[in-house]
Amino acid sequence: MTPDSPDSTTASPASLLPLNNTDRARLSEAMQELLAHGSILGLDPGQGELYDWCRQNPDWLREAAALLGLAVHTEHESRLVQAIPQKPSLTLNLKQDATLVLLALWYEFDTQVRDHGATEVRLTVEQLNQLLKEKLLPDLKSQPSAGRMREILSQARRFNLVRVDFDEPFEKSGVEVLPTLKKVIQFNGLEDWNKTAELHSNPVDAESVDTMQEEGGDAP
């Protein structure tokens, strides 16, 4: 056997993380959830055990996330684990109308929590449209159509930024704003929010193709 020939007795390289099969499967599940949805919501059905594993093994979770360019933010009070992109290529690219809807939801969440001590922030699509009209879209030709608003809210739900209970008529559909939104769109306060709102509420059509990269915190 030559020096360069494979040696069947040579030990395999050590695993990156010293995990047994059960923990390895859990870590894989956690990373897939974070990549697909941006967060793990321990209060949601089917997510409790995964959240508990993440809470018990934070070092493994952070090490695996770091390899993918993600930081990890946890809020144990909300039973939340959120992945925050550390590179622009991992952040959301949104059309202008979607950005404005998320800005409106951020405003409502911040106002209700900061000024009224709310622990849950809920509103209807009708109330959301009114908020958009009053705070963000006074000069727009039109607000997002019902079909477009459904798309925007569905995307936000996919990334665990809201919970949505679609109803008929559509305007009566309920929207719960989740704390994950505060990490996806980060402001130091309302002054920063106002600057961004002014930037994205110029007199254009509500379904403009302009995009905005949402700043990452602890999730995609």
Protein backbone atom coordinates (compact mmCIF):
# COMPACT_ATOMS: atom_id res chain seq x y z
CA MET A 1 0.00 0.00 0.00
CA THR A 2 1.45 3.36 -1.03
CA PRO A 3 1.51 6.32 1.39
CA ASP A 4 -1.26 7.98 -0.59
CA SER A 5 -3.51 4.95 -0.74
CA PRO A 6 -6.70 4.91 1.34
CA ASP A 7 -6.23 3.07 4.60
CA SER A 8 -9.32 1.28 5.81
CA THR A 9 -8.01 1.58 9.37
CA THR A 10 -7.83 5.38 9.26
CA ALA A 11 -10.36 6.92 11.60
CA SER A 12 -13.13 9.05 10.11
CA PRO A 13 -12.96 12.80 10.78
CA ALA A 14 -14.57 13.84 14.02
CA SER A 15 -18.11 15.18 13.72
CA LEU A 16 -18.48 18.93 13.74
CA LEU A 17 -20.72 18.74 16.80
CA PRO A 18 -20.61 15.84 19.30
CA LEU A 19 -24.29 14.96 18.97
CA ASN A 20 -26.08 11.68 19.28
CA ASN A 21 -28.58 10.77 16.58
CA THR A 22 -31.56 12.19 18.48
CA ASP A 23 -29.93 15.56 19.09
CA ARG A 24 -28.61 15.69 15.54
CA ALA A 25 -32.13 15.17 14.21
CA ARG A 26 -33.48 17.88 16.51
CA LEU A 27 -30.79 20.34 15.44
CA SER A 28 -31.52 19.60 11.81
CA GLU A 29 -35.23 20.17 12.41
CA ALA A 30 -34.53 23.46 14.21
CA MET A 31 -32.29 24.79 11.44
CA GLN A 32 -34.78 23.82 8.75
CA GLU A 33 -37.52 25.64 10.64
CA LEU A 34 -35.40 28.75 11.08
CA LEU A 35 -34.40 28.80 7.42
CA ALA A 36 -37.94 28.24 6.17
CA HIS A 37 -39.86 30.47 8.59
CA GLY A 38 -37.32 32.60 10.42
CA SER A 39 -38.31 31.52 13.90
CA ILE A 40 -39.62 28.78 16.17
CA LEU A 41 -42.80 29.71 18.04
CA GLY A 42 -42.95 27.53 21.12
CA LEU A 43 -46.54 28.53 21.84
CA ASP A 44 -47.75 27.17 18.50
CA PRO A 45 -49.06 23.60 18.22
CA GLY A 46 -46.29 21.18 17.36
CA GLN A 47 -43.49 23.63 18.16
CA GLY A 48 -43.26 23.25 21.94
CA GLU A 49 -40.87 20.29 22.06
CA LEU A 50 -38.57 21.82 19.45
CA TYR A 51 -38.47 25.10 21.36
CA ASP A 52 -37.66 23.23 24.58
CA TRP A 53 -34.77 21.43 22.86
CA CYS A 54 -33.42 24.74 21.55
CA ARG A 55 -33.62 26.29 25.00
CA GLN A 56 -31.75 23.36 26.52
CA ASN A 57 -29.04 23.36 23.82
CA PRO A 58 -28.37 27.01 22.93
CA ASP A 59 -24.66 26.57 22.18
CA TRP A 60 -25.24 23.89 19.54
CA LEU A 61 -28.00 25.98 17.97
CA ARG A 62 -25.86 29.13 17.83
CA GLU A 63 -22.87 27.27 16.40
CA ALA A 64 -24.94 25.70 13.61
CA ALA A 65 -26.69 29.01 12.87
CA ALA A 66 -23.37 30.88 12.69
CA LEU A 67 -22.20 28.54 9.93
CA LEU A 68 -25.17 29.75 7.87
CA GLY A 69 -24.62 33.44 8.57
CA LEU A 70 -27.33 33.68 11.22
CA ALA A 71 -27.41 34.90 14.79
CA VAL A 72 -29.95 33.55 17.26
CA HIS A 73 -32.27 35.64 19.41
CA THR A 74 -34.39 34.03 22.12
CA GLU A 75 -37.27 35.37 24.19
CA HIS A 76 -38.16 32.80 26.80
CA GLU A 77 -41.15 34.80 28.03
CA SER A 78 -42.68 34.46 24.55
CA ARG A 79 -41.18 30.98 24.01
CA LEU A 80 -39.54 32.32 20.87
CA VAL A 81 -36.35 31.42 19.01
CA GLN A 82 -35.58 33.70 16.07
CA ALA A 83 -32.81 33.63 13.47
CA ILE A 84 -31.33 37.02 12.51
CA PRO A 85 -29.48 37.28 9.17
CA GLN A 86 -25.98 38.69 9.45
CA LYS A 87 -25.55 39.16 5.70
CA PRO A 88 -27.68 41.26 3.31
CA SER A 89 -28.07 38.28 0.98
CA LEU A 90 -30.16 36.53 3.66
CA THR A 91 -32.62 39.36 4.29
CA LEU A 92 -36.10 39.81 2.86
CA ASN A 93 -36.57 41.76 -0.36
CA LEU A 94 -40.06 43.24 -0.35
CA LYS A 95 -42.12 45.29 -2.77
CA GLN A 96 -42.91 48.77 -1.56
CA ASP A 97 -46.53 47.99 -0.70
CA ALA A 98 -45.47 45.00 1.42
CA THR A 99 -42.88 47.15 3.18
CA LEU A 100 -45.56 49.73 4.00
CA VAL A 101 -47.90 47.09 5.40
CA LEU A 102 -45.14 45.76 7.66
CA LEU A 103 -44.29 49.30 8.74
CA ALA A 104 -47.93 49.83 9.69
CA LEU A 105 -47.98 46.59 11.66
CA TRP A 106 -44.72 47.58 13.40
CA TYR A 107 -46.26 50.93 14.35
CA GLU A 108 -49.35 49.27 15.79
CA PHE A 109 -47.30 46.73 17.74
CA ASP A 110 -44.94 49.37 19.14
CA THR A 111 -47.77 51.73 20.10
CA GLN A 112 -49.88 49.07 21.79
CA VAL A 113 -46.97 47.56 23.74
CA ARG A 114 -45.17 50.79 24.64
CA ASP A 115 -48.16 53.04 25.36
CA HIS A 116 -50.76 50.57 26.56
CA GLY A 117 -48.73 47.66 27.95
CA ALA A 118 -50.40 45.18 25.61
CA THR A 119 -49.18 41.59 25.69
CA GLU A 120 -50.98 40.70 22.44
CA VAL A 121 -51.56 43.01 19.50
CA ARG A 122 -54.50 42.22 17.25
CA LEU A 123 -56.37 44.13 14.58
CA THR A 124 -58.62 43.44 11.62
CA VAL A 125 -57.71 43.97 7.98
CA GLU A 126 -60.20 46.84 8.01
CA GLN A 127 -58.31 48.48 10.87
CA LEU A 128 -55.00 47.81 9.11
CA ASN A 129 -56.27 49.53 5.96
CA GLN A 130 -57.35 52.52 8.05
CA LEU A 131 -53.94 52.63 9.71
CA LEU A 132 -52.25 52.59 6.32
CA LYS A 133 -54.46 55.41 5.10
CA GLU A 134 -53.88 57.58 8.15
CA LYS A 135 -50.18 56.96 8.81
CA LEU A 136 -48.50 55.88 5.59
CA LEU A 137 -50.53 56.19 2.41
CA PRO A 138 -52.37 59.54 2.40
CA ASP A 139 -51.01 60.44 -1.05
CA LEU A 140 -51.20 57.08 -2.78
CA LYS A 141 -53.61 56.53 -5.65
CA SER A 142 -54.96 53.43 -3.94
CA GLN A 143 -54.26 51.02 -1.13
CA PRO A 144 -53.30 47.41 -1.82
CA SER A 145 -56.24 45.48 -3.23
CA ALA A 146 -57.85 42.74 -1.16
CA GLY A 147 -56.06 40.12 -3.23
CA ARG A 148 -52.70 41.84 -2.85
CA MET A 149 -53.22 42.36 0.89
CA ARG A 150 -53.95 38.65 1.24
CA GLU A 151 -50.64 37.88 -0.51
CA ILE A 152 -48.72 40.26 1.74
CA LEU A 153 -50.24 38.85 4.92
CA SER A 154 -49.71 35.28 3.73
CA GLN A 155 -46.03 36.01 3.15
CA ALA A 156 -45.75 37.64 6.58
CA ARG A 157 -47.43 34.59 8.11
CA ARG A 158 -45.00 32.27 6.32
CA PHE A 159 -42.11 34.08 8.03
CA ASN A 160 -43.84 33.99 11.43
CA LEU A 161 -44.31 37.76 11.57
CA VAL A 162 -48.08 37.57 12.04
CA ARG A 163 -50.86 35.11 12.65
CA VAL A 164 -53.81 35.56 10.31
CA ASP A 165 -57.35 34.23 10.55
CA PHE A 166 -58.78 34.85 7.08
CA ASP A 167 -62.52 35.45 7.12
CA GLU A 168 -65.37 36.64 4.93
CA PRO A 169 -65.76 39.44 4.27
CA PHE A 170 -61.98 39.77 3.96
CA GLU A 171 -61.92 43.08 5.85
CA LYS A 172 -63.03 41.25 9.00
CA SER A 173 -60.03 38.90 8.91
CA GLY A 174 -58.01 39.03 12.11
CA VAL A 175 -54.27 39.76 12.26
CA GLU A 176 -52.08 39.18 15.31
CA VAL A 177 -48.72 40.94 15.16
CA LEU A 178 -45.94 38.77 16.57
CA PRO A 179 -42.86 40.09 18.42
CA THR A 180 -40.66 38.64 15.69
CA LEU A 181 -41.53 41.66 13.54
CA LYS A 182 -39.55 43.94 15.86
CA LYS A 183 -36.37 42.03 14.99
CA VAL A 184 -37.00 41.86 11.26
CA ILE A 185 -37.61 45.62 11.05
CA GLN A 186 -35.52 47.33 13.71
CA PHE A 187 -35.92 50.93 14.83
CA ASN A 188 -34.57 52.70 17.89
CA GLY A 189 -37.91 54.44 18.28
CA LEU A 190 -40.69 56.26 16.49
CA GLU A 191 -38.31 58.91 15.15
CA ASP A 192 -36.48 56.25 13.14
CA TRP A 193 -39.83 54.78 12.11
CA ASN A 194 -41.04 58.18 10.84
CA LYS A 195 -37.91 58.64 8.72
CA THR A 196 -38.36 55.24 7.10
CA ALA A 197 -42.11 55.77 6.65
CA GLU A 198 -41.48 59.05 4.83
CA LEU A 199 -38.93 57.38 2.60
CA HIS A 200 -41.37 54.66 1.51
CA SER A 201 -44.63 56.62 1.34
CA ASN A 202 -43.94 58.87 -1.64
CA PRO A 203 -46.90 59.43 -4.00
CA VAL A 204 -46.68 56.23 -6.03
CA ASP A 205 -49.03 53.38 -6.78
CA ALA A 206 -49.53 51.03 -3.84
CA GLU A 207 -48.26 48.04 -5.81
CA SER A 208 -44.97 49.63 -6.88
CA VAL A 209 -42.22 47.18 -7.76
CA ASP A 210 -39.67 49.05 -5.63
CA THR A 211 -38.07 46.85 -3.02
CA MET A 212 -36.67 47.30 0.44
CA GLN A 213 -34.33 45.00 2.31
CA GLU A 214 -35.56 44.47 5.83
CA GLU A 215 -32.73 44.66 8.32
CA GLY A 216 -31.99 41.41 10.06
CA GLY A 217 -31.87 40.79 13.75
CA ASP A 218 -32.25 37.19 14.92
CA ALA A 219 -34.17 35.69 11.92
CA PRO A 220 -34.50 35.60 8.08
